[in-house]
């Protein structure tokens, strides 16, 4: 987790958690098991942050294969997408949100972020 927090700091992103680790922290009840993954949550402000985040998470995952990192990237429109799926750069990717799930293209996801100069 230190490497994940360092990555978030380097990218100026807050690292959030959900799932079993969050429930354990919040309740004090043991939810994390030996094979549990760590569900992470990120809210990048720019598409370039998304790209750097994906590169960094893949590197951390390769270095620390004992704990599986999973999680979501929150989009400016309130949707969320699995960082692992996003890293594969598929033609279409499922985005979940307040109104359900729908497939979108990478181009549509990039367009959600402000233009960079």
N, C-alpha and C. Protein backbone atom coordinates (compact mmCIF):
# COMPACT_ATOMS: atom_id res chain seq x y z
N UNK A 1 0.82 -1.20 0.00
CA UNK A 1 0.00 0.00 0.00
C UNK A 1 0.87 1.26 0.00
N UNK A 2 2.07 1.15 0.57
CA UNK A 2 2.95 2.32 0.56
C UNK A 2 3.24 2.78 -0.87
N UNK A 3 3.45 1.84 -1.79
CA UNK A 3 3.73 2.21 -3.18
C UNK A 3 2.50 2.83 -3.84
N UNK A 4 1.32 2.36 -3.50
CA UNK A 4 0.09 2.92 -4.06
C UNK A 4 -0.10 4.35 -3.55
N UNK A 5 0.12 4.55 -2.27
CA UNK A 5 -0.01 5.89 -1.69
C UNK A 5 1.04 6.83 -2.29
N UNK A 6 2.26 6.33 -2.48
CA UNK A 6 3.31 7.15 -3.10
C UNK A 6 2.93 7.52 -4.53
N UNK A 7 2.34 6.59 -5.26
CA UNK A 7 1.88 6.87 -6.62
C UNK A 7 0.81 7.96 -6.60
N UNK A 8 -0.16 7.83 -5.72
CA UNK A 8 -1.19 8.86 -5.60
C UNK A 8 -0.60 10.22 -5.26
N UNK A 9 0.37 10.25 -4.36
CA UNK A 9 1.02 11.50 -3.98
C UNK A 9 1.76 12.10 -5.17
N UNK A 10 2.49 11.27 -5.90
CA UNK A 10 3.25 11.74 -7.06
C UNK A 10 2.32 12.32 -8.14
N UNK A 11 1.12 11.77 -8.25
CA UNK A 11 0.17 12.24 -9.26
C UNK A 11 -0.83 13.25 -8.69
N UNK A 12 -0.67 13.59 -7.41
CA UNK A 12 -1.56 14.51 -6.72
C UNK A 12 -3.01 14.00 -6.74
N UNK A 13 -3.16 12.69 -6.50
CA UNK A 13 -4.47 12.05 -6.45
C UNK A 13 -4.68 11.43 -5.07
N UNK A 14 -5.85 11.62 -4.53
CA UNK A 14 -6.21 10.94 -3.29
C UNK A 14 -6.50 9.48 -3.61
N UNK A 15 -5.97 8.59 -2.80
CA UNK A 15 -6.22 7.16 -2.96
C UNK A 15 -7.31 6.78 -1.97
N UNK A 16 -8.41 6.28 -2.50
CA UNK A 16 -9.49 5.80 -1.66
C UNK A 16 -9.56 4.28 -1.73
N UNK A 17 -10.22 3.69 -0.78
CA UNK A 17 -10.44 2.24 -0.80
C UNK A 17 -11.92 1.97 -0.59
N UNK A 18 -12.37 0.82 -1.10
CA UNK A 18 -13.71 0.34 -0.84
C UNK A 18 -13.62 -1.17 -0.72
N UNK A 19 -14.72 -1.82 -0.53
CA UNK A 19 -14.70 -3.27 -0.42
C UNK A 19 -14.27 -3.73 0.97
N UNK A 20 -13.67 -4.93 1.00
CA UNK A 20 -13.37 -5.57 2.29
C UNK A 20 -12.41 -4.76 3.16
N UNK A 21 -11.42 -4.13 2.57
CA UNK A 21 -10.47 -3.33 3.36
C UNK A 21 -11.18 -2.13 4.00
N UNK A 22 -12.04 -1.48 3.26
CA UNK A 22 -12.78 -0.33 3.81
C UNK A 22 -13.73 -0.77 4.92
N UNK A 23 -14.44 -1.89 4.68
CA UNK A 23 -15.36 -2.38 5.70
C UNK A 23 -14.61 -2.77 6.98
N UNK A 24 -13.47 -3.38 6.83
CA UNK A 24 -12.69 -3.77 8.00
C UNK A 24 -12.23 -2.54 8.77
N UNK A 25 -11.72 -1.56 8.05
CA UNK A 25 -11.25 -0.33 8.70
C UNK A 25 -12.40 0.38 9.41
N UNK A 26 -13.53 0.45 8.74
CA UNK A 26 -14.68 1.18 9.30
C UNK A 26 -15.32 0.47 10.49
N UNK A 27 -15.41 -0.85 10.42
CA UNK A 27 -16.16 -1.59 11.45
C UNK A 27 -15.29 -2.24 12.51
N UNK A 28 -14.02 -2.49 12.19
CA UNK A 28 -13.18 -3.24 13.11
C UNK A 28 -13.39 -4.74 13.03
N UNK A 29 -14.31 -5.16 12.19
CA UNK A 29 -14.60 -6.58 11.99
C UNK A 29 -13.68 -7.10 10.89
N UNK A 30 -13.06 -8.26 11.06
CA UNK A 30 -12.14 -8.76 10.04
C UNK A 30 -12.87 -9.21 8.75
N UNK A 31 -12.73 -8.42 7.70
CA UNK A 31 -13.29 -8.74 6.39
C UNK A 31 -12.22 -9.20 5.42
N UNK A 32 -10.99 -8.73 5.60
CA UNK A 32 -9.90 -9.05 4.68
C UNK A 32 -9.43 -10.48 4.94
N UNK A 33 -9.36 -11.25 3.89
CA UNK A 33 -8.92 -12.64 3.93
C UNK A 33 -7.60 -12.77 3.17
N UNK A 34 -6.89 -13.88 3.32
CA UNK A 34 -5.61 -14.04 2.62
C UNK A 34 -5.68 -13.83 1.10
N UNK A 35 -6.81 -14.17 0.48
CA UNK A 35 -6.92 -14.01 -0.97
C UNK A 35 -7.72 -12.77 -1.38
N UNK A 36 -8.01 -11.89 -0.41
CA UNK A 36 -8.76 -10.67 -0.73
C UNK A 36 -7.93 -9.76 -1.63
N UNK A 37 -8.62 -9.07 -2.53
CA UNK A 37 -7.93 -8.04 -3.29
C UNK A 37 -8.12 -6.71 -2.57
N UNK A 38 -7.39 -5.71 -3.01
CA UNK A 38 -7.53 -4.38 -2.45
C UNK A 38 -8.22 -3.52 -3.50
N UNK A 39 -9.41 -3.04 -3.17
CA UNK A 39 -10.20 -2.23 -4.09
C UNK A 39 -9.86 -0.76 -3.89
N UNK A 40 -9.28 -0.16 -4.92
CA UNK A 40 -8.82 1.22 -4.86
C UNK A 40 -9.76 2.13 -5.64
N UNK A 41 -9.76 3.41 -5.28
CA UNK A 41 -10.61 4.39 -5.92
C UNK A 41 -9.80 5.65 -6.19
N UNK A 42 -9.85 6.11 -7.44
CA UNK A 42 -9.09 7.30 -7.85
C UNK A 42 -10.01 8.25 -8.61
N UNK A 43 -9.78 9.56 -8.44
CA UNK A 43 -10.54 10.57 -9.16
C UNK A 43 -9.57 11.52 -9.87
N UNK A 44 -9.07 11.13 -11.03
CA UNK A 44 -8.13 11.99 -11.75
C UNK A 44 -8.84 13.20 -12.38
N UNK A 45 -8.11 14.29 -12.49
CA UNK A 45 -8.69 15.52 -13.05
C UNK A 45 -8.47 15.63 -14.56
N UNK A 46 -7.43 14.98 -15.08
CA UNK A 46 -7.09 15.08 -16.50
C UNK A 46 -6.85 13.69 -17.07
N UNK A 47 -7.04 13.54 -18.38
CA UNK A 47 -6.80 12.25 -19.01
C UNK A 47 -5.34 11.84 -18.87
N UNK A 48 -4.42 12.80 -18.91
CA UNK A 48 -3.01 12.45 -18.75
C UNK A 48 -2.76 11.84 -17.37
N UNK A 49 -3.52 12.27 -16.36
CA UNK A 49 -3.42 11.66 -15.02
C UNK A 49 -3.89 10.21 -15.07
N UNK A 50 -4.94 9.94 -15.84
CA UNK A 50 -5.44 8.58 -15.99
C UNK A 50 -4.34 7.71 -16.58
N UNK A 51 -3.72 8.17 -17.65
CA UNK A 51 -2.67 7.39 -18.31
C UNK A 51 -1.50 7.12 -17.37
N UNK A 52 -1.06 8.14 -16.66
CA UNK A 52 0.06 7.96 -15.72
C UNK A 52 -0.33 7.04 -14.57
N UNK A 53 -1.57 7.15 -14.11
CA UNK A 53 -2.08 6.28 -13.04
C UNK A 53 -2.07 4.82 -13.48
N UNK A 54 -2.58 4.55 -14.68
CA UNK A 54 -2.63 3.17 -15.18
C UNK A 54 -1.23 2.58 -15.31
N UNK A 55 -0.30 3.36 -15.83
CA UNK A 55 1.08 2.91 -15.96
C UNK A 55 1.66 2.59 -14.58
N UNK A 56 1.42 3.49 -13.62
CA UNK A 56 1.95 3.30 -12.27
C UNK A 56 1.33 2.11 -11.55
N UNK A 57 0.02 1.94 -11.69
CA UNK A 57 -0.65 0.80 -11.04
C UNK A 57 -0.18 -0.53 -11.61
N UNK A 58 0.02 -0.58 -12.91
CA UNK A 58 0.54 -1.81 -13.52
C UNK A 58 1.94 -2.12 -12.98
N UNK A 59 2.77 -1.10 -12.83
CA UNK A 59 4.12 -1.30 -12.30
C UNK A 59 4.08 -1.78 -10.85
N UNK A 60 3.24 -1.18 -10.03
CA UNK A 60 3.11 -1.60 -8.63
C UNK A 60 2.59 -3.03 -8.56
N UNK A 61 1.61 -3.36 -9.39
CA UNK A 61 1.06 -4.72 -9.40
C UNK A 61 2.11 -5.75 -9.77
N UNK A 62 2.99 -5.43 -10.71
CA UNK A 62 4.05 -6.37 -11.10
C UNK A 62 5.05 -6.57 -9.96
N UNK A 63 5.37 -5.49 -9.24
CA UNK A 63 6.34 -5.58 -8.14
C UNK A 63 5.79 -6.32 -6.94
N UNK A 64 4.51 -6.21 -6.70
CA UNK A 64 3.89 -6.77 -5.50
C UNK A 64 2.77 -7.72 -5.89
N UNK A 65 3.11 -8.88 -6.34
CA UNK A 65 2.10 -9.81 -6.83
C UNK A 65 1.38 -10.57 -5.71
N UNK A 66 1.76 -10.35 -4.47
CA UNK A 66 1.13 -11.06 -3.35
C UNK A 66 -0.31 -10.58 -3.16
N UNK A 67 -0.54 -9.29 -3.23
CA UNK A 67 -1.86 -8.71 -3.05
C UNK A 67 -2.34 -8.19 -4.41
N UNK A 68 -3.53 -8.61 -4.82
CA UNK A 68 -4.08 -8.17 -6.09
C UNK A 68 -4.73 -6.80 -5.92
N UNK A 69 -4.26 -5.84 -6.71
CA UNK A 69 -4.86 -4.51 -6.70
C UNK A 69 -5.98 -4.47 -7.72
N UNK A 70 -7.11 -3.96 -7.31
CA UNK A 70 -8.26 -3.82 -8.18
C UNK A 70 -8.81 -2.43 -7.95
N UNK A 71 -9.91 -2.09 -8.54
CA UNK A 71 -10.53 -0.82 -8.24
C UNK A 71 -11.03 -0.07 -9.44
N UNK A 72 -11.38 1.17 -9.20
CA UNK A 72 -12.08 1.99 -10.17
C UNK A 72 -11.46 3.37 -10.32
N UNK A 73 -11.61 3.88 -11.52
CA UNK A 73 -11.30 5.27 -11.82
C UNK A 73 -12.64 5.98 -11.94
N UNK A 74 -12.84 7.02 -11.13
CA UNK A 74 -14.07 7.80 -11.20
C UNK A 74 -13.96 8.83 -12.31
N UNK A 75 -15.00 8.94 -13.10
CA UNK A 75 -15.01 9.83 -14.26
C UNK A 75 -15.71 11.15 -13.91
N UNK A 76 -15.41 12.21 -14.64
CA UNK A 76 -16.04 13.51 -14.35
C UNK A 76 -17.56 13.52 -14.39
N UNK A 77 -18.19 12.58 -15.13
CA UNK A 77 -19.64 12.56 -15.22
C UNK A 77 -20.30 11.68 -14.15
N UNK A 78 -19.51 11.17 -13.20
CA UNK A 78 -20.04 10.35 -12.13
C UNK A 78 -19.95 8.86 -12.39
N UNK A 79 -19.54 8.47 -13.59
CA UNK A 79 -19.36 7.06 -13.89
C UNK A 79 -18.07 6.54 -13.30
N UNK A 80 -17.90 5.23 -13.35
CA UNK A 80 -16.68 4.60 -12.85
C UNK A 80 -16.33 3.44 -13.77
N UNK A 81 -15.04 3.22 -13.91
CA UNK A 81 -14.55 2.16 -14.79
C UNK A 81 -13.40 1.44 -14.10
N UNK A 82 -13.35 0.14 -14.29
CA UNK A 82 -12.27 -0.66 -13.72
C UNK A 82 -10.93 -0.22 -14.30
N UNK A 83 -9.97 0.05 -13.44
CA UNK A 83 -8.67 0.50 -13.96
C UNK A 83 -8.00 -0.62 -14.75
N UNK A 84 -8.21 -1.86 -14.36
CA UNK A 84 -7.60 -2.98 -15.09
C UNK A 84 -8.17 -3.09 -16.50
N UNK A 85 -9.48 -2.91 -16.63
CA UNK A 85 -10.09 -2.94 -17.96
C UNK A 85 -9.62 -1.76 -18.80
N UNK A 86 -9.57 -0.60 -18.18
CA UNK A 86 -9.15 0.61 -18.88
C UNK A 86 -7.72 0.49 -19.38
N UNK A 87 -6.86 -0.15 -18.60
CA UNK A 87 -5.46 -0.32 -18.98
C UNK A 87 -5.30 -1.18 -20.24
N UNK A 88 -6.27 -2.03 -20.51
CA UNK A 88 -6.22 -2.88 -21.71
C UNK A 88 -6.57 -2.12 -22.98
N UNK A 89 -7.10 -0.91 -22.83
CA UNK A 89 -7.50 -0.05 -23.94
C UNK A 89 -8.40 -0.76 -24.95
N UNK A 90 -9.49 -1.36 -24.47
CA UNK A 90 -10.39 -2.03 -25.40
C UNK A 90 -11.15 -1.01 -26.25
N UNK A 91 -11.73 -1.48 -27.33
CA UNK A 91 -12.51 -0.58 -28.19
C UNK A 91 -13.71 -0.02 -27.42
N UNK A 92 -14.36 -0.89 -26.66
CA UNK A 92 -15.48 -0.48 -25.81
C UNK A 92 -15.23 -0.99 -24.40
N UNK A 93 -15.67 -0.20 -23.43
CA UNK A 93 -15.47 -0.56 -22.03
C UNK A 93 -16.75 -0.26 -21.26
N UNK A 94 -17.07 -1.13 -20.31
CA UNK A 94 -18.28 -0.93 -19.50
C UNK A 94 -18.02 0.10 -18.42
N UNK A 95 -18.92 1.06 -18.34
CA UNK A 95 -18.86 2.11 -17.34
C UNK A 95 -20.10 1.99 -16.47
N UNK A 96 -19.90 1.95 -15.17
CA UNK A 96 -21.03 1.90 -14.24
C UNK A 96 -21.27 3.30 -13.71
N UNK A 97 -22.50 3.57 -13.35
CA UNK A 97 -22.83 4.89 -12.84
C UNK A 97 -24.17 4.89 -12.14
N UNK A 98 -24.63 6.06 -11.77
CA UNK A 98 -25.89 6.17 -11.03
C UNK A 98 -27.09 5.63 -11.79
N UNK A 99 -27.00 5.60 -13.12
CA UNK A 99 -28.14 5.13 -13.93
C UNK A 99 -27.91 3.74 -14.50
N UNK A 100 -26.97 2.99 -13.97
CA UNK A 100 -26.69 1.65 -14.46
C UNK A 100 -25.36 1.57 -15.18
N UNK A 101 -25.23 0.56 -16.01
CA UNK A 101 -23.97 0.34 -16.75
C UNK A 101 -24.22 0.48 -18.24
N UNK A 102 -23.21 0.98 -18.94
CA UNK A 102 -23.32 1.12 -20.39
C UNK A 102 -21.93 1.04 -21.01
N UNK A 103 -21.84 0.54 -22.23
CA UNK A 103 -20.55 0.49 -22.91
C UNK A 103 -20.23 1.86 -23.51
N UNK A 104 -18.96 2.24 -23.44
CA UNK A 104 -18.50 3.49 -24.04
C UNK A 104 -17.16 3.24 -24.70
N UNK A 105 -16.80 4.13 -25.60
CA UNK A 105 -15.50 4.04 -26.25
C UNK A 105 -14.47 4.82 -25.44
N UNK A 106 -13.21 4.52 -25.67
CA UNK A 106 -12.14 5.29 -25.02
C UNK A 106 -12.22 6.76 -25.43
N UNK A 107 -12.58 7.00 -26.67
CA UNK A 107 -12.70 8.38 -27.14
C UNK A 107 -13.75 9.13 -26.32
N UNK A 108 -14.88 8.46 -26.04
CA UNK A 108 -15.92 9.10 -25.23
C UNK A 108 -15.42 9.38 -23.81
N UNK A 109 -14.64 8.44 -23.26
CA UNK A 109 -14.11 8.65 -21.91
C UNK A 109 -13.12 9.80 -21.88
N UNK A 110 -12.23 9.85 -22.87
CA UNK A 110 -11.26 10.96 -22.93
C UNK A 110 -11.97 12.30 -23.02
N UNK A 111 -13.07 12.35 -23.78
CA UNK A 111 -13.79 13.61 -23.98
C UNK A 111 -14.44 14.13 -22.70
N UNK A 112 -14.60 13.30 -21.70
CA UNK A 112 -15.17 13.73 -20.44
C UNK A 112 -14.24 14.66 -19.66
N UNK A 113 -12.96 14.53 -19.93
CA UNK A 113 -11.94 15.30 -19.19
C UNK A 113 -11.66 16.61 -19.92
N UNK A 114 -11.27 17.65 -19.17
CA UNK A 114 -10.97 18.93 -19.81
C UNK A 114 -9.80 18.80 -20.77
N UNK A 115 -9.84 19.61 -21.81
CA UNK A 115 -8.75 19.63 -22.79
C UNK A 115 -7.46 20.09 -22.11
N UNK A 116 -6.37 19.50 -22.54
CA UNK A 116 -5.06 19.86 -21.97
C UNK A 116 -4.29 20.67 -23.00
N UNK A 117 -3.52 21.60 -22.49
CA UNK A 117 -2.73 22.43 -23.42
C UNK A 117 -1.30 21.99 -23.49
